[in-house]
Amino acid sequence: MPLYALGDVEPTIHPDAYVHPDAVVIGDVTIGAESSVWAGAVLRGDDGSIRVGARTSVQDGTVVHTTPDWPTVVGDDCVIGHVAHLEGCTIEDLVLVGSGSIVLHRAVLGSGVLVGANAVVTNDMRVPSGAMALGVPAKIREGAVDAEAMIRPGVASYVARARRYRAELRELSP
């Protein structure tokens, strides 16, 4: 896997995490236990820190960046969908960020939030726990998410998938 220090700053990846060989992790990035980072994802902690909690999946093609003033923090038990973009935001525990979504500077997603596919959570937006954020720009539907039913199964699926990949993935020569 392309894992890079930037100056003296090196990523910290828990030994039980899985980072796909084609993901890129640079600089001030911490990845928690049983989390997974999938092919084509880029976590670039050059301007500030990126923290990914335990049992969180950062799926294929996702870009996670940060700013000098605003770290990017992703909690435990989150599902970050394919080709999402996170930058300078805070995502609490048990959150699903749908495929193609963008979550921008200083936005805060409370626990149990679901961001719909292709939604844009704009700068400074606060999405309360248990709400959905849908559309461009995102509109909030409070009380619409049953996190245990709607998010937890995806978390479990990616923890199991990462275990399988860690044990079974092998590159084939052309």
N, C-alpha and C. Protein backbone atom coordinates (compact mmCIF):
# COMPACT_ATOMS: atom_id res chain seq x y z
N MET A 1 0.85 -1.17 0.00
CA MET A 1 0.00 0.00 0.00
C MET A 1 0.89 1.23 0.00
N PRO A 2 0.56 2.24 -0.75
CA PRO A 2 1.32 3.48 -0.68
C PRO A 2 1.03 4.20 0.64
N LEU A 3 2.01 4.14 1.53
CA LEU A 3 1.93 4.74 2.85
C LEU A 3 3.10 5.70 2.92
N TYR A 4 2.82 6.99 3.16
CA TYR A 4 3.86 8.01 3.07
C TYR A 4 3.95 8.84 4.34
N ALA A 5 5.19 9.09 4.76
CA ALA A 5 5.46 10.11 5.76
C ALA A 5 5.56 11.43 5.01
N LEU A 6 5.25 12.51 5.69
CA LEU A 6 5.45 13.85 5.13
C LEU A 6 6.34 14.58 6.13
N GLY A 7 7.62 14.73 5.78
CA GLY A 7 8.59 15.20 6.74
C GLY A 7 8.70 14.15 7.83
N ASP A 8 8.53 14.58 9.08
CA ASP A 8 8.60 13.66 10.22
C ASP A 8 7.25 13.08 10.60
N VAL A 9 6.19 13.44 9.90
CA VAL A 9 4.84 13.02 10.27
C VAL A 9 4.47 11.75 9.50
N GLU A 10 4.20 10.69 10.26
CA GLU A 10 3.86 9.40 9.67
C GLU A 10 2.44 8.99 10.05
N PRO A 11 1.76 8.27 9.16
CA PRO A 11 0.45 7.73 9.51
C PRO A 11 0.57 6.70 10.64
N THR A 12 -0.51 6.57 11.40
CA THR A 12 -0.62 5.55 12.44
C THR A 12 -1.80 4.68 12.09
N ILE A 13 -1.52 3.42 11.80
CA ILE A 13 -2.57 2.49 11.39
C ILE A 13 -2.60 1.33 12.38
N HIS A 14 -3.74 1.12 13.00
CA HIS A 14 -3.88 0.03 13.97
C HIS A 14 -3.57 -1.30 13.27
N PRO A 15 -2.90 -2.22 13.96
CA PRO A 15 -2.56 -3.50 13.32
C PRO A 15 -3.76 -4.32 12.87
N ASP A 16 -4.93 -4.08 13.46
CA ASP A 16 -6.15 -4.80 13.05
C ASP A 16 -6.92 -4.09 11.95
N ALA A 17 -6.44 -2.95 11.48
CA ALA A 17 -7.09 -2.24 10.37
C ALA A 17 -6.65 -2.87 9.06
N TYR A 18 -7.45 -2.66 8.02
CA TYR A 18 -7.10 -3.13 6.68
C TYR A 18 -7.04 -1.93 5.75
N VAL A 19 -5.90 -1.75 5.09
CA VAL A 19 -5.75 -0.72 4.08
C VAL A 19 -5.40 -1.43 2.77
N HIS A 20 -6.26 -1.30 1.78
CA HIS A 20 -6.05 -1.95 0.49
C HIS A 20 -4.73 -1.49 -0.13
N PRO A 21 -4.05 -2.37 -0.84
CA PRO A 21 -2.77 -2.01 -1.46
C PRO A 21 -2.84 -0.83 -2.42
N ASP A 22 -4.01 -0.54 -2.96
CA ASP A 22 -4.15 0.57 -3.91
C ASP A 22 -4.75 1.82 -3.29
N ALA A 23 -4.87 1.86 -1.97
CA ALA A 23 -5.25 3.09 -1.27
C ALA A 23 -3.98 3.87 -0.97
N VAL A 24 -4.12 5.18 -0.75
CA VAL A 24 -2.97 6.04 -0.45
C VAL A 24 -3.24 6.74 0.88
N VAL A 25 -2.28 6.64 1.80
CA VAL A 25 -2.38 7.27 3.11
C VAL A 25 -1.12 8.10 3.31
N ILE A 26 -1.30 9.41 3.55
CA ILE A 26 -0.17 10.35 3.61
C ILE A 26 -0.25 11.18 4.89
N GLY A 27 0.86 11.24 5.63
CA GLY A 27 1.03 12.22 6.70
C GLY A 27 0.27 11.93 7.97
N ASP A 28 -0.37 12.95 8.52
CA ASP A 28 -0.99 12.92 9.83
C ASP A 28 -2.36 12.26 9.77
N VAL A 29 -2.34 10.94 9.65
CA VAL A 29 -3.56 10.14 9.53
C VAL A 29 -3.51 9.03 10.57
N THR A 30 -4.60 8.85 11.30
CA THR A 30 -4.73 7.75 12.25
C THR A 30 -5.94 6.93 11.84
N ILE A 31 -5.75 5.61 11.77
CA ILE A 31 -6.83 4.69 11.39
C ILE A 31 -6.98 3.68 12.52
N GLY A 32 -8.21 3.55 13.03
CA GLY A 32 -8.49 2.72 14.20
C GLY A 32 -8.67 1.25 13.91
N ALA A 33 -8.81 0.48 14.98
CA ALA A 33 -8.94 -0.98 14.93
C ALA A 33 -10.14 -1.41 14.10
N GLU A 34 -9.92 -2.44 13.30
CA GLU A 34 -10.95 -3.07 12.46
C GLU A 34 -11.56 -2.12 11.43
N SER A 35 -10.93 -0.98 11.21
CA SER A 35 -11.39 -0.09 10.15
C SER A 35 -10.80 -0.55 8.83
N SER A 36 -11.37 -0.05 7.73
CA SER A 36 -10.89 -0.44 6.41
C SER A 36 -10.87 0.75 5.49
N VAL A 37 -9.84 0.78 4.64
CA VAL A 37 -9.68 1.80 3.62
C VAL A 37 -9.51 1.05 2.31
N TRP A 38 -10.38 1.32 1.34
CA TRP A 38 -10.49 0.49 0.15
C TRP A 38 -9.78 1.10 -1.06
N ALA A 39 -9.72 0.33 -2.12
CA ALA A 39 -8.96 0.68 -3.33
C ALA A 39 -9.31 2.07 -3.84
N GLY A 40 -8.28 2.82 -4.17
CA GLY A 40 -8.47 4.14 -4.77
C GLY A 40 -8.80 5.24 -3.77
N ALA A 41 -8.96 4.90 -2.51
CA ALA A 41 -9.21 5.94 -1.50
C ALA A 41 -7.90 6.67 -1.23
N VAL A 42 -8.01 7.97 -0.95
CA VAL A 42 -6.85 8.79 -0.61
C VAL A 42 -7.16 9.51 0.69
N LEU A 43 -6.31 9.31 1.70
CA LEU A 43 -6.40 10.03 2.96
C LEU A 43 -5.13 10.85 3.06
N ARG A 44 -5.25 12.17 2.86
CA ARG A 44 -4.08 13.04 2.75
C ARG A 44 -4.06 14.03 3.91
N GLY A 45 -3.28 13.68 4.92
CA GLY A 45 -3.13 14.52 6.11
C GLY A 45 -1.91 15.40 6.00
N ASP A 46 -1.93 16.31 5.05
CA ASP A 46 -0.77 17.20 4.85
C ASP A 46 -0.95 18.55 5.53
N ASP A 47 -2.15 19.10 5.53
CA ASP A 47 -2.40 20.41 6.15
C ASP A 47 -2.80 20.31 7.61
N GLY A 48 -3.28 19.16 8.02
CA GLY A 48 -3.76 18.95 9.38
C GLY A 48 -3.99 17.47 9.57
N SER A 49 -4.72 17.12 10.64
CA SER A 49 -4.88 15.71 10.98
C SER A 49 -6.18 15.12 10.47
N ILE A 50 -6.11 13.82 10.21
CA ILE A 50 -7.27 13.01 9.86
C ILE A 50 -7.33 11.88 10.87
N ARG A 51 -8.49 11.69 11.50
CA ARG A 51 -8.67 10.62 12.46
C ARG A 51 -9.86 9.78 12.03
N VAL A 52 -9.64 8.48 11.88
CA VAL A 52 -10.70 7.53 11.54
C VAL A 52 -10.79 6.56 12.71
N GLY A 53 -11.98 6.45 13.30
CA GLY A 53 -12.17 5.61 14.48
C GLY A 53 -12.15 4.12 14.17
N ALA A 54 -12.66 3.34 15.08
CA ALA A 54 -12.69 1.88 14.96
C ALA A 54 -13.89 1.43 14.14
N ARG A 55 -13.70 0.34 13.41
CA ARG A 55 -14.77 -0.34 12.64
C ARG A 55 -15.43 0.57 11.61
N THR A 56 -14.68 1.49 11.07
CA THR A 56 -15.19 2.42 10.06
C THR A 56 -14.64 2.03 8.71
N SER A 57 -15.48 2.04 7.68
CA SER A 57 -15.02 1.75 6.32
C SER A 57 -14.98 3.04 5.51
N VAL A 58 -13.85 3.24 4.83
CA VAL A 58 -13.67 4.35 3.89
C VAL A 58 -13.57 3.67 2.53
N GLN A 59 -14.63 3.77 1.76
CA GLN A 59 -14.77 2.92 0.58
C GLN A 59 -14.08 3.49 -0.66
N ASP A 60 -14.07 2.67 -1.69
CA ASP A 60 -13.33 2.91 -2.92
C ASP A 60 -13.52 4.31 -3.48
N GLY A 61 -12.40 4.95 -3.82
CA GLY A 61 -12.43 6.24 -4.49
C GLY A 61 -12.70 7.43 -3.59
N THR A 62 -12.85 7.22 -2.31
CA THR A 62 -13.13 8.32 -1.39
C THR A 62 -11.89 9.18 -1.19
N VAL A 63 -12.09 10.49 -1.05
CA VAL A 63 -11.00 11.41 -0.74
C VAL A 63 -11.29 12.03 0.63
N VAL A 64 -10.31 11.91 1.53
CA VAL A 64 -10.40 12.53 2.84
C VAL A 64 -9.22 13.49 2.94
N HIS A 65 -9.52 14.77 3.14
CA HIS A 65 -8.49 15.80 3.25
C HIS A 65 -8.79 16.61 4.50
N THR A 66 -8.02 17.63 4.76
CA THR A 66 -8.15 18.41 5.97
C THR A 66 -7.71 19.84 5.69
N THR A 67 -7.81 20.69 6.67
CA THR A 67 -7.30 22.06 6.53
C THR A 67 -6.38 22.34 7.71
N PRO A 68 -5.56 23.39 7.64
CA PRO A 68 -4.71 23.71 8.78
C PRO A 68 -5.50 24.03 10.04
N ASP A 69 -6.71 24.54 9.90
CA ASP A 69 -7.51 24.95 11.05
C ASP A 69 -8.55 23.93 11.48
N TRP A 70 -8.95 23.03 10.57
CA TRP A 70 -10.05 22.12 10.85
C TRP A 70 -9.64 20.69 10.48
N PRO A 71 -9.41 19.85 11.50
CA PRO A 71 -9.10 18.45 11.20
C PRO A 71 -10.32 17.76 10.63
N THR A 72 -10.10 16.60 10.06
CA THR A 72 -11.21 15.75 9.63
C THR A 72 -11.26 14.58 10.60
N VAL A 73 -12.40 14.44 11.27
CA VAL A 73 -12.56 13.41 12.30
C VAL A 73 -13.76 12.56 11.91
N VAL A 74 -13.53 11.25 11.82
CA VAL A 74 -14.58 10.29 11.52
C VAL A 74 -14.63 9.32 12.70
N GLY A 75 -15.80 9.16 13.30
CA GLY A 75 -15.94 8.36 14.51
C GLY A 75 -15.88 6.87 14.28
N ASP A 76 -16.32 6.14 15.29
CA ASP A 76 -16.39 4.69 15.25
C ASP A 76 -17.66 4.25 14.51
N ASP A 77 -17.58 3.06 13.90
CA ASP A 77 -18.76 2.40 13.32
C ASP A 77 -19.42 3.22 12.22
N CYS A 78 -18.61 3.86 11.39
CA CYS A 78 -19.14 4.65 10.28
C CYS A 78 -18.94 3.93 8.96
N VAL A 79 -19.79 4.25 8.00
CA VAL A 79 -19.68 3.76 6.63
C VAL A 79 -19.57 4.98 5.74
N ILE A 80 -18.39 5.15 5.13
CA ILE A 80 -18.17 6.26 4.20
C ILE A 80 -18.22 5.66 2.81
N GLY A 81 -19.28 5.98 2.08
CA GLY A 81 -19.57 5.35 0.79
C GLY A 81 -18.57 5.67 -0.29
N HIS A 82 -18.68 4.95 -1.36
CA HIS A 82 -17.78 5.07 -2.50
C HIS A 82 -17.76 6.51 -3.04
N VAL A 83 -16.59 6.98 -3.37
CA VAL A 83 -16.35 8.26 -4.03
C VAL A 83 -16.90 9.45 -3.23
N ALA A 84 -16.89 9.33 -1.91
CA ALA A 84 -17.27 10.47 -1.07
C ALA A 84 -16.08 11.41 -0.94
N HIS A 85 -16.35 12.64 -0.49
CA HIS A 85 -15.28 13.62 -0.23
C HIS A 85 -15.56 14.24 1.13
N LEU A 86 -14.61 14.09 2.03
CA LEU A 86 -14.70 14.66 3.37
C LEU A 86 -13.55 15.64 3.55
N GLU A 87 -13.83 16.84 4.07
CA GLU A 87 -12.76 17.80 4.26
C GLU A 87 -13.07 18.74 5.41
N GLY A 88 -12.23 18.68 6.46
CA GLY A 88 -12.34 19.62 7.58
C GLY A 88 -13.65 19.51 8.33
N CYS A 89 -14.19 18.29 8.45
CA CYS A 89 -15.50 18.09 9.07
C CYS A 89 -15.38 17.12 10.24
N THR A 90 -16.46 17.03 11.02
CA THR A 90 -16.53 16.08 12.13
C THR A 90 -17.73 15.18 11.90
N ILE A 91 -17.45 13.88 11.92
CA ILE A 91 -18.48 12.87 11.74
C ILE A 91 -18.48 12.02 12.99
N GLU A 92 -19.56 12.05 13.74
CA GLU A 92 -19.64 11.31 14.99
C GLU A 92 -19.84 9.82 14.70
N ASP A 93 -20.13 9.03 15.73
CA ASP A 93 -20.23 7.58 15.61
C ASP A 93 -21.49 7.13 14.88
N LEU A 94 -21.38 5.96 14.26
CA LEU A 94 -22.51 5.27 13.62
C LEU A 94 -23.21 6.16 12.59
N VAL A 95 -22.41 6.65 11.64
CA VAL A 95 -22.90 7.53 10.57
C VAL A 95 -22.66 6.86 9.23
N LEU A 96 -23.60 7.00 8.31
CA LEU A 96 -23.44 6.55 6.94
C LEU A 96 -23.40 7.77 6.04
N VAL A 97 -22.29 7.93 5.32
CA VAL A 97 -22.16 8.99 4.31
C VAL A 97 -22.29 8.30 2.97
N GLY A 98 -23.36 8.58 2.25
CA GLY A 98 -23.67 7.88 1.01
C GLY A 98 -22.67 8.13 -0.11
N SER A 99 -22.68 7.23 -1.07
CA SER A 99 -21.78 7.31 -2.21
C SER A 99 -21.89 8.65 -2.92
N GLY A 100 -20.73 9.21 -3.27
CA GLY A 100 -20.69 10.46 -4.02
C GLY A 100 -21.00 11.70 -3.21
N SER A 101 -21.18 11.56 -1.91
CA SER A 101 -21.51 12.72 -1.07
C SER A 101 -20.28 13.55 -0.76
N ILE A 102 -20.53 14.81 -0.41
CA ILE A 102 -19.47 15.74 -0.03
C ILE A 102 -19.85 16.33 1.31
N VAL A 103 -18.90 16.30 2.26
CA VAL A 103 -19.10 16.90 3.57
C VAL A 103 -17.95 17.89 3.77
N LEU A 104 -18.30 19.17 3.91
CA LEU A 104 -17.30 20.24 3.84
C LEU A 104 -16.93 20.83 5.20
N HIS A 105 -16.14 21.86 5.15
CA HIS A 105 -15.49 22.49 6.30
C HIS A 105 -16.45 22.82 7.43
N ARG A 106 -16.04 22.41 8.61
CA ARG A 106 -16.72 22.72 9.87
C ARG A 106 -18.11 22.11 9.98
N ALA A 107 -18.51 21.28 9.01
CA ALA A 107 -19.79 20.58 9.14
C ALA A 107 -19.65 19.55 10.25
N VAL A 108 -20.75 19.30 10.96
CA VAL A 108 -20.78 18.30 12.01
C VAL A 108 -21.97 17.39 11.77
N LEU A 109 -21.70 16.08 11.67
CA LEU A 109 -22.76 15.09 11.54
C LEU A 109 -22.88 14.38 12.88
N GLY A 110 -24.03 14.52 13.53
CA GLY A 110 -24.25 13.86 14.82
C GLY A 110 -24.30 12.36 14.67
N SER A 111 -24.33 11.65 15.79
CA SER A 111 -24.36 10.19 15.75
C SER A 111 -25.66 9.71 15.11
N GLY A 112 -25.56 8.59 14.39
CA GLY A 112 -26.73 8.00 13.78
C GLY A 112 -27.29 8.76 12.60
N VAL A 113 -26.47 9.57 11.94
CA VAL A 113 -26.90 10.36 10.77
C VAL A 113 -26.70 9.54 9.51
N LEU A 114 -27.57 9.76 8.54
CA LEU A 114 -27.43 9.18 7.21
C LEU A 114 -27.41 10.33 6.20
N VAL A 115 -26.31 10.43 5.45
CA VAL A 115 -26.20 11.40 4.37
C VAL A 115 -26.49 10.65 3.08
N GLY A 116 -27.51 11.08 2.35
CA GLY A 116 -27.91 10.41 1.13
C GLY A 116 -26.87 10.51 0.03
N ALA A 117 -26.93 9.58 -0.90
CA ALA A 117 -26.00 9.56 -2.02
C ALA A 117 -26.01 10.90 -2.75
N ASN A 118 -24.83 11.39 -3.10
CA ASN A 118 -24.63 12.62 -3.85
C ASN A 118 -25.07 13.89 -3.14
N ALA A 119 -25.34 13.81 -1.84
CA ALA A 119 -25.71 15.02 -1.09
C ALA A 119 -24.47 15.89 -0.86
N VAL A 120 -24.70 17.17 -0.65
CA VAL A 120 -23.62 18.09 -0.30
C VAL A 120 -23.98 18.74 1.04
N VAL A 121 -23.18 18.38 2.06
CA VAL A 121 -23.32 18.98 3.38
C VAL A 121 -22.35 20.16 3.38
N THR A 122 -22.90 21.37 3.38
CA THR A 122 -22.11 22.58 3.17
C THR A 122 -21.35 23.01 4.42
N ASN A 123 -20.45 23.97 4.24
CA ASN A 123 -19.68 24.53 5.34
C ASN A 123 -20.59 24.91 6.50
N ASP A 124 -20.16 24.56 7.72
CA ASP A 124 -20.82 24.95 8.97
C ASP A 124 -22.18 24.30 9.23
N MET A 125 -22.63 23.40 8.35
CA MET A 125 -23.93 22.75 8.57
C MET A 125 -23.83 21.79 9.75
N ARG A 126 -24.86 21.77 10.58
CA ARG A 126 -24.97 20.83 11.70
C ARG A 126 -26.15 19.91 11.40
N VAL A 127 -25.88 18.61 11.36
CA VAL A 127 -26.94 17.62 11.13
C VAL A 127 -27.14 16.90 12.46
N PRO A 128 -28.32 17.05 13.07
CA PRO A 128 -28.53 16.47 14.40
C PRO A 128 -28.60 14.94 14.37
N SER A 129 -28.28 14.33 15.49
CA SER A 129 -28.33 12.87 15.62
C SER A 129 -29.66 12.33 15.14
N GLY A 130 -29.58 11.21 14.41
CA GLY A 130 -30.78 10.54 13.93
C GLY A 130 -31.44 11.14 12.72
N ALA A 131 -30.82 12.15 12.11
CA ALA A 131 -31.40 12.83 10.96
C ALA A 131 -30.82 12.31 9.66
N MET A 132 -31.54 12.57 8.56
CA MET A 132 -31.03 12.37 7.21
C MET A 132 -30.68 13.72 6.63
N ALA A 133 -29.63 13.73 5.80
CA ALA A 133 -29.26 14.93 5.05
C ALA A 133 -29.30 14.53 3.58
N LEU A 134 -30.19 15.16 2.83
CA LEU A 134 -30.45 14.75 1.45
C LEU A 134 -30.42 15.94 0.51
N GLY A 135 -29.80 15.76 -0.67
CA GLY A 135 -29.88 16.77 -1.71
C GLY A 135 -28.69 17.71 -1.77
N VAL A 136 -28.81 18.68 -2.70
CA VAL A 136 -27.75 19.66 -2.96
C VAL A 136 -28.37 21.05 -2.96
N PRO A 137 -28.04 21.91 -2.00
CA PRO A 137 -27.37 21.57 -0.75
C PRO A 137 -28.28 20.69 0.10
N ALA A 138 -27.68 19.99 1.05
CA ALA A 138 -28.44 19.03 1.85
C ALA A 138 -29.54 19.70 2.66
N LYS A 139 -30.68 19.07 2.67
CA LYS A 139 -31.80 19.46 3.53
C LYS A 139 -31.91 18.39 4.61
N ILE A 140 -32.26 18.78 5.80
CA ILE A 140 -32.28 17.88 6.94
C ILE A 140 -33.69 17.37 7.20
N ARG A 141 -33.79 16.05 7.38
CA ARG A 141 -35.04 15.41 7.81
C ARG A 141 -34.78 14.79 9.18
N GLU A 142 -35.20 15.47 10.22
CA GLU A 142 -34.91 15.00 11.58
C GLU A 142 -35.70 13.74 11.93
N GLY A 143 -35.08 12.89 12.75
CA GLY A 143 -35.75 11.69 13.26
C GLY A 143 -36.03 10.63 12.22
N ALA A 144 -35.36 10.67 11.09
CA ALA A 144 -35.67 9.74 9.99
C ALA A 144 -34.81 8.48 9.97
N VAL A 145 -33.83 8.38 10.86
CA VAL A 145 -32.86 7.28 10.78
C VAL A 145 -32.98 6.36 11.99
N ASP A 146 -33.12 5.07 11.71
CA ASP A 146 -32.96 4.02 12.71
C ASP A 146 -31.57 3.45 12.47
N ALA A 147 -30.59 3.99 13.19
CA ALA A 147 -29.18 3.66 12.94
C ALA A 147 -28.89 2.18 13.10
N GLU A 148 -29.50 1.53 14.07
CA GLU A 148 -29.24 0.10 14.27
C GLU A 148 -29.70 -0.72 13.06
N ALA A 149 -30.80 -0.33 12.46
CA ALA A 149 -31.32 -1.06 11.30
C ALA A 149 -30.71 -0.59 9.99
N MET A 150 -30.41 0.69 9.88
CA MET A 150 -30.01 1.26 8.59
C MET A 150 -28.49 1.39 8.42
N ILE A 151 -27.72 1.44 9.51
CA ILE A 151 -26.28 1.67 9.40
C ILE A 151 -25.48 0.49 9.95
N ARG A 152 -25.88 -0.03 11.09
CA ARG A 152 -25.11 -1.10 11.75
C ARG A 152 -24.84 -2.31 10.84
N PRO A 153 -25.80 -2.78 10.01
CA PRO A 153 -25.49 -3.92 9.14
C PRO A 153 -24.35 -3.62 8.14
N GLY A 154 -24.27 -2.41 7.65
CA GLY A 154 -23.18 -2.04 6.74
C GLY A 154 -21.84 -2.03 7.45
N VAL A 155 -21.83 -1.57 8.69
CA VAL A 155 -20.60 -1.59 9.49
C VAL A 155 -20.12 -3.02 9.64
N ALA A 156 -21.00 -3.91 10.06
CA ALA A 156 -20.63 -5.32 10.27
C ALA A 156 -20.15 -5.97 8.98
N SER A 157 -20.81 -5.64 7.87
CA SER A 157 -20.42 -6.20 6.58
C SER A 157 -18.99 -5.82 6.20
N TYR A 158 -18.63 -4.56 6.42
CA TYR A 158 -17.28 -4.13 6.03
C TYR A 158 -16.21 -4.60 7.01
N VAL A 159 -16.53 -4.78 8.29
CA VAL A 159 -15.57 -5.38 9.21
C VAL A 159 -15.27 -6.80 8.77
N ALA A 160 -16.31 -7.57 8.41
CA ALA A 160 -16.11 -8.95 7.93
C ALA A 160 -15.36 -8.98 6.60
N ARG A 161 -15.71 -8.08 5.70
CA ARG A 161 -15.06 -8.01 4.40
C ARG A 161 -13.56 -7.71 4.55
N ALA A 162 -13.23 -6.80 5.46
CA ALA A 162 -11.81 -6.46 5.69
C ALA A 162 -11.05 -7.66 6.23
N ARG A 163 -11.66 -8.42 7.12
CA ARG A 163 -11.01 -9.65 7.62
C ARG A 163 -10.72 -10.61 6.47
N ARG A 164 -11.70 -10.77 5.59
CA ARG A 164 -11.51 -11.68 4.45
C ARG A 164 -10.38 -11.18 3.55
N TYR A 165 -10.38 -9.90 3.24
CA TYR A 165 -9.33 -9.35 2.36
C TYR A 165 -7.96 -9.48 3.00
N ARG A 166 -7.88 -9.21 4.29
CA ARG A 166 -6.59 -9.32 4.98
C ARG A 166 -6.06 -10.75 4.86
N ALA A 167 -6.95 -11.74 4.92
CA ALA A 167 -6.55 -13.15 4.87
C ALA A 167 -6.38 -13.68 3.45
N GLU A 168 -7.18 -13.20 2.50
CA GLU A 168 -7.25 -13.88 1.20
C GLU A 168 -6.79 -13.09 -0.01
N LEU A 169 -6.68 -11.77 0.06
CA LEU A 169 -6.33 -10.99 -1.12
C LEU A 169 -4.91 -11.30 -1.55
N ARG A 170 -4.73 -11.57 -2.82
CA ARG A 170 -3.39 -11.78 -3.37
C ARG A 170 -3.35 -11.20 -4.78
N GLU A 171 -2.25 -10.58 -5.09
CA GLU A 171 -2.08 -9.99 -6.41
C GLU A 171 -1.66 -11.07 -7.39
N LEU A 172 -2.24 -11.02 -8.58
CA LEU A 172 -1.87 -11.97 -9.64
C LEU A 172 -0.95 -11.27 -10.62
N SER A 173 0.05 -11.97 -11.05
CA SER A 173 0.96 -11.39 -12.05
C SER A 173 0.27 -11.36 -13.40
N PRO A 174 0.57 -10.31 -14.19
CA PRO A 174 -0.08 -10.23 -15.51
C PRO A 174 0.42 -11.30 -16.46
